[in-house]
Amino acid sequence: YGNFIQSIVNFLIIGSSVYLFMRLFETLFN
């Protein structure tokens, strides 16, 4: 269970980081 939960947390952190970076890039481009 620990590895599974850690994988989910890592996925959420990386996914949210990529999402925020893309929003920032889009805002600057616009």
Full PDB file with SEQRES, HELIX, SHEET, SSBOND, CRYST1, ORIGX, SCALE, CONECT and MASTER records, all heavy atoms in Angstrom:
SEQRES   1 A   30  TYR GLY ASN PHE ILE GLN SER ILE VAL ASN PHE LEU ILE          
SEQRES   2 A   30  ILE GLY SER SER VAL TYR LEU PHE MET ARG LEU PHE GLU          
SEQRES   3 A   30  THR LEU PHE ASN                                              
HELIX    1 AA1 GLY A    2  PHE A   29  1                                  28    
CRYST1    1.000    1.000    1.000  90.00  90.00  90.00 P 1           1          
ORIGX1      1.000000  0.000000  0.000000        0.00000                         
ORIGX2      0.000000  1.000000  0.000000        0.00000                         
ORIGX3      0.000000  0.000000  1.000000        0.00000                         
SCALE1      1.000000  0.000000  0.000000        0.00000                         
SCALE2      0.000000  1.000000  0.000000        0.00000                         
SCALE3      0.000000  0.000000  1.000000        0.00000                         
ATOM      1  N   TYR A   1       0.828  -1.205   0.000  1.00  0.00           N  
ATOM      2  CA  TYR A   1       0.000   0.000   0.000  1.00  0.00           C  
ATOM      3  C   TYR A   1       0.861   1.254   0.000  1.00  0.00           C  
ATOM      4  O   TYR A   1       0.520   2.250  -0.648  1.00  0.00           O  
ATOM      5  CB  TYR A   1      -0.930   0.026   1.227  1.00  0.00           C  
ATOM      6  CG  TYR A   1      -2.037  -0.984   1.167  1.00  0.00           C  
ATOM      7  CD1 TYR A   1      -1.996  -2.140   1.932  1.00  0.00           C  
ATOM      8  CD2 TYR A   1      -3.119  -0.774   0.338  1.00  0.00           C  
ATOM      9  CE1 TYR A   1      -3.019  -3.073   1.878  1.00  0.00           C  
ATOM     10  CE2 TYR A   1      -4.147  -1.700   0.266  1.00  0.00           C  
ATOM     11  CZ  TYR A   1      -4.091  -2.842   1.042  1.00  0.00           C  
ATOM     12  OH  TYR A   1      -5.102  -3.758   0.978  1.00  0.00           O  
ATOM     13  N   GLY A   2       1.958   1.225   0.685  1.00  0.00           N  
ATOM     14  CA  GLY A   2       2.831   2.397   0.777  1.00  0.00           C  
ATOM     15  C   GLY A   2       3.367   2.804  -0.583  1.00  0.00           C  
ATOM     16  O   GLY A   2       3.372   3.991  -0.945  1.00  0.00           O  
ATOM     17  N   ASN A   3       3.831   1.828  -1.358  1.00  0.00           N  
ATOM     18  CA  ASN A   3       4.343   2.139  -2.697  1.00  0.00           C  
ATOM     19  C   ASN A   3       3.247   2.674  -3.601  1.00  0.00           C  
ATOM     20  O   ASN A   3       3.465   3.595  -4.395  1.00  0.00           O  
ATOM     21  CB  ASN A   3       4.974   0.891  -3.331  1.00  0.00           C  
ATOM     22  CG  ASN A   3       6.287   0.528  -2.662  1.00  0.00           C  
ATOM     23  OD1 ASN A   3       6.921   1.372  -2.029  1.00  0.00           O  
ATOM     24  ND2 ASN A   3       6.681  -0.723  -2.805  1.00  0.00           N  
ATOM     25  N   PHE A   4       2.047   2.108  -3.504  1.00  0.00           N  
ATOM     26  CA  PHE A   4       0.923   2.553  -4.325  1.00  0.00           C  
ATOM     27  C   PHE A   4       0.545   3.993  -3.988  1.00  0.00           C  
ATOM     28  O   PHE A   4       0.368   4.835  -4.880  1.00  0.00           O  
ATOM     29  CB  PHE A   4      -0.270   1.621  -4.116  1.00  0.00           C  
ATOM     30  CG  PHE A   4      -1.474   2.015  -4.900  1.00  0.00           C  
ATOM     31  CD1 PHE A   4      -1.495   1.867  -6.274  1.00  0.00           C  
ATOM     32  CD2 PHE A   4      -2.586   2.533  -4.262  1.00  0.00           C  
ATOM     33  CE1 PHE A   4      -2.610   2.234  -7.007  1.00  0.00           C  
ATOM     34  CE2 PHE A   4      -3.697   2.908  -4.983  1.00  0.00           C  
ATOM     35  CZ  PHE A   4      -3.709   2.751  -6.353  1.00  0.00           C  
ATOM     36  N   ILE A   5       0.446   4.297  -2.709  1.00  0.00           N  
ATOM     37  CA  ILE A   5       0.090   5.658  -2.282  1.00  0.00           C  
ATOM     38  C   ILE A   5       1.191   6.640  -2.684  1.00  0.00           C  
ATOM     39  O   ILE A   5       0.903   7.750  -3.160  1.00  0.00           O  
ATOM     40  CB  ILE A   5      -0.172   5.701  -0.760  1.00  0.00           C  
ATOM     41  CG1 ILE A   5      -1.448   4.899  -0.446  1.00  0.00           C  
ATOM     42  CG2 ILE A   5      -0.306   7.123  -0.260  1.00  0.00           C  
ATOM     43  CD1 ILE A   5      -1.704   4.688   1.026  1.00  0.00           C  
ATOM     44  N   GLN A   6       2.425   6.250  -2.535  1.00  0.00           N  
ATOM     45  CA  GLN A   6       3.539   7.115  -2.927  1.00  0.00           C  
ATOM     46  C   GLN A   6       3.514   7.387  -4.428  1.00  0.00           C  
ATOM     47  O   GLN A   6       3.771   8.510  -4.867  1.00  0.00           O  
ATOM     48  CB  GLN A   6       4.874   6.481  -2.529  1.00  0.00           C  
ATOM     49  CG  GLN A   6       6.076   7.352  -2.820  1.00  0.00           C  
ATOM     50  CD  GLN A   6       6.070   8.630  -1.989  1.00  0.00           C  
ATOM     51  OE1 GLN A   6       5.687   8.615  -0.825  1.00  0.00           O  
ATOM     52  NE2 GLN A   6       6.479   9.728  -2.600  1.00  0.00           N  
ATOM     53  N   SER A   7       3.185   6.390  -5.223  1.00  0.00           N  
ATOM     54  CA  SER A   7       3.089   6.571  -6.673  1.00  0.00           C  
ATOM     55  C   SER A   7       1.977   7.552  -7.030  1.00  0.00           C  
ATOM     56  O   SER A   7       2.136   8.404  -7.913  1.00  0.00           O  
ATOM     57  CB  SER A   7       2.836   5.241  -7.373  1.00  0.00           C  
ATOM     58  OG  SER A   7       3.923   4.379  -7.181  1.00  0.00           O  
ATOM     59  N   ILE A   8       0.851   7.452  -6.342  1.00  0.00           N  
ATOM     60  CA  ILE A   8      -0.256   8.380  -6.595  1.00  0.00           C  
ATOM     61  C   ILE A   8       0.141   9.800  -6.224  1.00  0.00           C  
ATOM     62  O   ILE A   8      -0.111  10.758  -6.973  1.00  0.00           O  
ATOM     63  CB  ILE A   8      -1.518   7.935  -5.825  1.00  0.00           C  
ATOM     64  CG1 ILE A   8      -2.066   6.647  -6.432  1.00  0.00           C  
ATOM     65  CG2 ILE A   8      -2.573   9.028  -5.840  1.00  0.00           C  
ATOM     66  CD1 ILE A   8      -3.237   6.068  -5.678  1.00  0.00           C  
ATOM     67  N   VAL A   9       0.783   9.966  -5.078  1.00  0.00           N  
ATOM     68  CA  VAL A   9       1.213  11.297  -4.644  1.00  0.00           C  
ATOM     69  C   VAL A   9       2.216  11.878  -5.635  1.00  0.00           C  
ATOM     70  O   VAL A   9       2.115  13.043  -6.026  1.00  0.00           O  
ATOM     71  CB  VAL A   9       1.804  11.243  -3.214  1.00  0.00           C  
ATOM     72  CG1 VAL A   9       2.477  12.553  -2.838  1.00  0.00           C  
ATOM     73  CG2 VAL A   9       0.710  10.891  -2.208  1.00  0.00           C  
ATOM     74  N   ASN A  10       3.170  11.073  -6.070  1.00  0.00           N  
ATOM     75  CA  ASN A  10       4.151  11.550  -7.058  1.00  0.00           C  
ATOM     76  C   ASN A  10       3.467  11.966  -8.358  1.00  0.00           C  
ATOM     77  O   ASN A  10       3.796  12.997  -8.942  1.00  0.00           O  
ATOM     78  CB  ASN A  10       5.191  10.466  -7.348  1.00  0.00           C  
ATOM     79  CG  ASN A  10       6.165  10.284  -6.202  1.00  0.00           C  
ATOM     80  OD1 ASN A  10       6.305  11.165  -5.354  1.00  0.00           O  
ATOM     81  ND2 ASN A  10       6.826   9.150  -6.182  1.00  0.00           N  
ATOM     82  N   PHE A  11       2.503  11.166  -8.812  1.00  0.00           N  
ATOM     83  CA  PHE A  11       1.778  11.498 -10.027  1.00  0.00           C  
ATOM     84  C   PHE A  11       1.042  12.828  -9.881  1.00  0.00           C  
ATOM     85  O   PHE A  11       1.068  13.677 -10.783  1.00  0.00           O  
ATOM     86  CB  PHE A  11       0.789  10.385 -10.373  1.00  0.00           C  
ATOM     87  CG  PHE A  11      -0.072  10.706 -11.547  1.00  0.00           C  
ATOM     88  CD1 PHE A  11       0.418  10.604 -12.836  1.00  0.00           C  
ATOM     89  CD2 PHE A  11      -1.383  11.121 -11.362  1.00  0.00           C  
ATOM     90  CE1 PHE A  11      -0.375  10.908 -13.925  1.00  0.00           C  
ATOM     91  CE2 PHE A  11      -2.185  11.427 -12.445  1.00  0.00           C  
ATOM     92  CZ  PHE A  11      -1.678  11.322 -13.726  1.00  0.00           C  
ATOM     93  N   LEU A  12       0.375  13.035  -8.748  1.00  0.00           N  
ATOM     94  CA  LEU A  12      -0.368  14.278  -8.537  1.00  0.00           C  
ATOM     95  C   LEU A  12       0.559  15.487  -8.483  1.00  0.00           C  
ATOM     96  O   LEU A  12       0.248  16.544  -9.034  1.00  0.00           O  
ATOM     97  CB  LEU A  12      -1.207  14.183  -7.257  1.00  0.00           C  
ATOM     98  CG  LEU A  12      -2.365  13.184  -7.298  1.00  0.00           C  
ATOM     99  CD1 LEU A  12      -3.033  13.090  -5.942  1.00  0.00           C  
ATOM    100  CD2 LEU A  12      -3.365  13.578  -8.375  1.00  0.00           C  
ATOM    101  N   ILE A  13       1.703  15.338  -7.830  1.00  0.00           N  
ATOM    102  CA  ILE A  13       2.651  16.450  -7.741  1.00  0.00           C  
ATOM    103  C   ILE A  13       3.199  16.791  -9.121  1.00  0.00           C  
ATOM    104  O   ILE A  13       3.218  17.961  -9.527  1.00  0.00           O  
ATOM    105  CB  ILE A  13       3.791  16.117  -6.756  1.00  0.00           C  
ATOM    106  CG1 ILE A  13       3.253  16.072  -5.323  1.00  0.00           C  
ATOM    107  CG2 ILE A  13       4.919  17.131  -6.875  1.00  0.00           C  
ATOM    108  CD1 ILE A  13       4.241  15.561  -4.311  1.00  0.00           C  
ATOM    109  N   ILE A  14       3.620  15.808  -9.867  1.00  0.00           N  
ATOM    110  CA  ILE A  14       4.187  16.049 -11.203  1.00  0.00           C  
ATOM    111  C   ILE A  14       3.111  16.584 -12.146  1.00  0.00           C  
ATOM    112  O   ILE A  14       3.338  17.543 -12.896  1.00  0.00           O  
ATOM    113  CB  ILE A  14       4.832  14.762 -11.762  1.00  0.00           C  
ATOM    114  CG1 ILE A  14       6.065  14.414 -10.923  1.00  0.00           C  
ATOM    115  CG2 ILE A  14       5.199  14.933 -13.228  1.00  0.00           C  
ATOM    116  CD1 ILE A  14       6.642  13.055 -11.226  1.00  0.00           C  
ATOM    117  N   GLY A  15       1.922  16.004 -12.090  1.00  0.00           N  
ATOM    118  CA  GLY A  15       0.830  16.459 -12.950  1.00  0.00           C  
ATOM    119  C   GLY A  15       0.445  17.899 -12.670  1.00  0.00           C  
ATOM    120  O   GLY A  15       0.252  18.694 -13.596  1.00  0.00           O  
ATOM    121  N   SER A  16       0.332  18.265 -11.401  1.00  0.00           N  
ATOM    122  CA  SER A  16      -0.038  19.643 -11.068  1.00  0.00           C  
ATOM    123  C   SER A  16       1.073  20.609 -11.442  1.00  0.00           C  
ATOM    124  O   SER A  16       0.811  21.736 -11.883  1.00  0.00           O  
ATOM    125  CB  SER A  16      -0.405  19.768  -9.586  1.00  0.00           C  
ATOM    126  OG  SER A  16       0.699  19.419  -8.787  1.00  0.00           O  
ATOM    127  N   SER A  17       2.328  20.197 -11.296  1.00  0.00           N  
ATOM    128  CA  SER A  17       3.446  21.052 -11.697  1.00  0.00           C  
ATOM    129  C   SER A  17       3.429  21.317 -13.196  1.00  0.00           C  
ATOM    130  O   SER A  17       3.600  22.459 -13.645  1.00  0.00           O  
ATOM    131  CB  SER A  17       4.777  20.417 -11.316  1.00  0.00           C  
ATOM    132  OG  SER A  17       4.869  20.234  -9.933  1.00  0.00           O  
ATOM    133  N   VAL A  18       3.208  20.289 -13.989  1.00  0.00           N  
ATOM    134  CA  VAL A  18       3.142  20.456 -15.446  1.00  0.00           C  
ATOM    135  C   VAL A  18       1.962  21.340 -15.817  1.00  0.00           C  
ATOM    136  O   VAL A  18       2.070  22.229 -16.663  1.00  0.00           O  
ATOM    137  CB  VAL A  18       3.065  19.080 -16.148  1.00  0.00           C  
ATOM    138  CG1 VAL A  18       2.749  19.239 -17.627  1.00  0.00           C  
ATOM    139  CG2 VAL A  18       4.356  18.319 -15.946  1.00  0.00           C  
ATOM    140  N   TYR A  19       0.811  21.132 -15.164  1.00  0.00           N  
ATOM    141  CA  TYR A  19      -0.380  21.935 -15.440  1.00  0.00           C  
ATOM    142  C   TYR A  19      -0.121  23.407 -15.144  1.00  0.00           C  
ATOM    143  O   TYR A  19      -0.437  24.279 -15.964  1.00  0.00           O  
ATOM    144  CB  TYR A  19      -1.561  21.417 -14.621  1.00  0.00           C  
ATOM    145  CG  TYR A  19      -2.791  22.266 -14.721  1.00  0.00           C  
ATOM    146  CD1 TYR A  19      -3.589  22.227 -15.854  1.00  0.00           C  
ATOM    147  CD2 TYR A  19      -3.153  23.119 -13.687  1.00  0.00           C  
ATOM    148  CE1 TYR A  19      -4.718  23.009 -15.960  1.00  0.00           C  
ATOM    149  CE2 TYR A  19      -4.275  23.909 -13.780  1.00  0.00           C  
ATOM    150  CZ  TYR A  19      -5.060  23.856 -14.909  1.00  0.00           C  
ATOM    151  OH  TYR A  19      -6.177  24.644 -14.999  1.00  0.00           O  
ATOM    152  N   LEU A  20       0.451  23.710 -13.985  1.00  0.00           N  
ATOM    153  CA  LEU A  20       0.722  25.103 -13.622  1.00  0.00           C  
ATOM    154  C   LEU A  20       1.752  25.729 -14.554  1.00  0.00           C  
ATOM    155  O   LEU A  20       1.628  26.902 -14.934  1.00  0.00           O  
ATOM    156  CB  LEU A  20       1.191  25.183 -12.167  1.00  0.00           C  
ATOM    157  CG  LEU A  20       0.126  24.858 -11.128  1.00  0.00           C  
ATOM    158  CD1 LEU A  20       0.738  24.840  -9.733  1.00  0.00           C  
ATOM    159  CD2 LEU A  20      -1.014  25.846 -11.193  1.00  0.00           C  
ATOM    160  N   PHE A  21       2.747  24.969 -14.962  1.00  0.00           N  
ATOM    161  CA  PHE A  21       3.745  25.491 -15.895  1.00  0.00           C  
ATOM    162  C   PHE A  21       3.104  25.833 -17.230  1.00  0.00           C  
ATOM    163  O   PHE A  21       3.377  26.880 -17.820  1.00  0.00           O  
ATOM    164  CB  PHE A  21       4.867  24.467 -16.087  1.00  0.00           C  
ATOM    165  CG  PHE A  21       5.888  24.887 -17.094  1.00  0.00           C  
ATOM    166  CD1 PHE A  21       6.819  25.866 -16.786  1.00  0.00           C  
ATOM    167  CD2 PHE A  21       5.903  24.324 -18.356  1.00  0.00           C  
ATOM    168  CE1 PHE A  21       7.763  26.269 -17.726  1.00  0.00           C  
ATOM    169  CE2 PHE A  21       6.833  24.712 -19.294  1.00  0.00           C  
ATOM    170  CZ  PHE A  21       7.769  25.692 -18.979  1.00  0.00           C  
ATOM    171  N   MET A  22       2.225  24.960 -17.715  1.00  0.00           N  
ATOM    172  CA  MET A  22       1.568  25.223 -18.995  1.00  0.00           C  
ATOM    173  C   MET A  22       0.631  26.425 -18.897  1.00  0.00           C  
ATOM    174  O   MET A  22       0.532  27.213 -19.837  1.00  0.00           O  
ATOM    175  CB  MET A  22       0.795  23.981 -19.456  1.00  0.00           C  
ATOM    176  CG  MET A  22       1.690  22.808 -19.814  1.00  0.00           C  
ATOM    177  SD  MET A  22       2.938  23.202 -21.054  1.00  0.00           S  
ATOM    178  CE  MET A  22       1.905  23.471 -22.466  1.00  0.00           C  
ATOM    179  N   ARG A  23      -0.053  26.589 -17.770  1.00  0.00           N  
ATOM    180  CA  ARG A  23      -0.916  27.761 -17.595  1.00  0.00           C  
ATOM    181  C   ARG A  23      -0.082  29.037 -17.591  1.00  0.00           C  
ATOM    182  O   ARG A  23      -0.462  30.039 -18.203  1.00  0.00           O  
ATOM    183  CB  ARG A  23      -1.687  27.664 -16.270  1.00  0.00           C  
ATOM    184  CG  ARG A  23      -2.748  26.613 -16.198  1.00  0.00           C  
ATOM    185  CD  ARG A  23      -4.130  27.097 -16.550  1.00  0.00           C  
ATOM    186  NE  ARG A  23      -4.479  28.388 -16.054  1.00  0.00           N  
ATOM    187  CZ  ARG A  23      -5.506  28.654 -15.270  1.00  0.00           C  
ATOM    188  NH1 ARG A  23      -6.282  27.687 -14.865  1.00  0.00           N  
ATOM    189  NH2 ARG A  23      -5.782  29.878 -14.908  1.00  0.00           N  
ATOM    190  N   LEU A  24       1.059  29.005 -16.917  1.00  0.00           N  
ATOM    191  CA  LEU A  24       1.942  30.168 -16.882  1.00  0.00           C  
ATOM    192  C   LEU A  24       2.442  30.489 -18.282  1.00  0.00           C  
ATOM    193  O   LEU A  24       2.430  31.650 -18.708  1.00  0.00           O  
ATOM    194  CB  LEU A  24       3.126  29.899 -15.954  1.00  0.00           C  
ATOM    195  CG  LEU A  24       4.207  30.969 -15.908  1.00  0.00           C  
ATOM    196  CD1 LEU A  24       3.661  32.244 -15.293  1.00  0.00           C  
ATOM    197  CD2 LEU A  24       5.403  30.480 -15.127  1.00  0.00           C  
ATOM    198  N   PHE A  25       2.861  29.485 -19.014  1.00  0.00           N  
ATOM    199  CA  PHE A  25       3.353  29.680 -20.381  1.00  0.00           C  
ATOM    200  C   PHE A  25       2.257  30.268 -21.263  1.00  0.00           C  
ATOM    201  O   PHE A  25       2.489  31.196 -22.032  1.00  0.00           O  
ATOM    202  CB  PHE A  25       3.845  28.345 -20.941  1.00  0.00           C  
ATOM    203  CG  PHE A  25       4.382  28.443 -22.331  1.00  0.00           C  
ATOM    204  CD1 PHE A  25       5.620  29.002 -22.569  1.00  0.00           C  
ATOM    205  CD2 PHE A  25       3.639  27.997 -23.407  1.00  0.00           C  
ATOM    206  CE1 PHE A  25       6.125  29.105 -23.852  1.00  0.00           C  
ATOM    207  CE2 PHE A  25       4.126  28.092 -24.690  1.00  0.00           C  
ATOM    208  CZ  PHE A  25       5.369  28.649 -24.914  1.00  0.00           C  
ATOM    209  N   GLU A  26       1.035  29.736 -21.146  1.00  0.00           N  
ATOM    210  CA  GLU A  26      -0.081  30.232 -21.948  1.00  0.00           C  
ATOM    211  C   GLU A  26      -0.404  31.683 -21.602  1.00  0.00           C  
ATOM    212  O   GLU A  26      -0.652  32.507 -22.488  1.00  0.00           O  
ATOM    213  CB  GLU A  26      -1.310  29.351 -21.718  1.00  0.00           C  
ATOM    214  CG  GLU A  26      -2.510  29.759 -22.543  1.00  0.00           C  
ATOM    215  CD  GLU A  26      -3.720  28.878 -22.268  1.00  0.00           C  
ATOM    216  OE1 GLU A  26      -3.634  27.990 -21.406  1.00  0.00           O  
ATOM    217  OE2 GLU A  26      -4.742  29.105 -22.916  1.00  0.00           O  
ATOM    218  N   THR A  27      -0.376  32.018 -20.322  1.00  0.00           N  
ATOM    219  CA  THR A  27      -0.650  33.388 -19.898  1.00  0.00           C  
ATOM    220  C   THR A  27       0.393  34.343 -20.454  1.00  0.00           C  
ATOM    221  O   THR A  27       0.047  35.416 -20.972  1.00  0.00           O  
ATOM    222  CB  THR A  27      -0.667  33.477 -18.356  1.00  0.00           C  
ATOM    223  OG1 THR A  27      -1.644  32.562 -17.857  1.00  0.00           O  
ATOM    224  CG2 THR A  27      -0.986  34.875 -17.893  1.00  0.00           C  
ATOM    225  N   LEU A  28       1.655  33.974 -20.368  1.00  0.00           N  
ATOM    226  CA  LEU A  28       2.712  34.829 -20.893  1.00  0.00           C  
ATOM    227  C   LEU A  28       2.603  34.982 -22.403  1.00  0.00           C  
ATOM    228  O   LEU A  28       2.798  36.074 -22.944  1.00  0.00           O  
ATOM    229  CB  LEU A  28       4.081  34.272 -20.503  1.00  0.00           C  
ATOM    230  CG  LEU A  28       4.419  34.304 -19.017  1.00  0.00           C  
ATOM    231  CD1 LEU A  28       5.747  33.617 -18.762  1.00  0.00           C  
ATOM    232  CD2 LEU A  28       4.444  35.728 -18.500  1.00  0.00           C  
ATOM    233  N   PHE A  29       2.282  33.900 -23.095  1.00  0.00           N  
ATOM    234  CA  PHE A  29       2.143  33.952 -24.544  1.00  0.00           C  
ATOM    235  C   PHE A  29       0.981  34.864 -24.938  1.00  0.00           C  
ATOM    236  O   PHE A  29       1.107  35.683 -25.847  1.00  0.00           O  
ATOM    237  CB  PHE A  29       1.929  32.547 -25.098  1.00  0.00           C  
ATOM    238  CG  PHE A  29       1.802  32.505 -26.581  1.00  0.00           C  
ATOM    239  CD1 PHE A  29       2.917  32.671 -27.387  1.00  0.00           C  
ATOM    240  CD2 PHE A  29       0.568  32.318 -27.178  1.00  0.00           C  
ATOM    241  CE1 PHE A  29       2.808  32.639 -28.756  1.00  0.00           C  
ATOM    242  CE2 PHE A  29       0.446  32.278 -28.547  1.00  0.00           C  
ATOM    243  CZ  PHE A  29       1.566  32.444 -29.347  1.00  0.00           C  
ATOM    244  N   ASN A  30      -0.160  34.732 -24.240  1.00  0.00           N  
ATOM    245  CA  ASN A  30      -1.319  35.573 -24.546  1.00  0.00           C  
ATOM    246  C   ASN A  30      -1.032  37.037 -24.254  1.00  0.00           C  
ATOM    247  O   ASN A  30      -1.460  37.919 -24.995  1.00  0.00           O  
ATOM    248  CB  ASN A  30      -2.541  35.110 -23.762  1.00  0.00           C  
ATOM    249  CG  ASN A  30      -3.099  33.808 -24.288  1.00  0.00           C  
ATOM    250  OD1 ASN A  30      -2.837  33.434 -25.426  1.00  0.00           O  
ATOM    251  ND2 ASN A  30      -3.860  33.116 -23.464  1.00  0.00           N  
TER     252      ASN A  30                                                      
MASTER        0    0    0    1    0    0    0    6  251    1    0    3          
END                                                                             
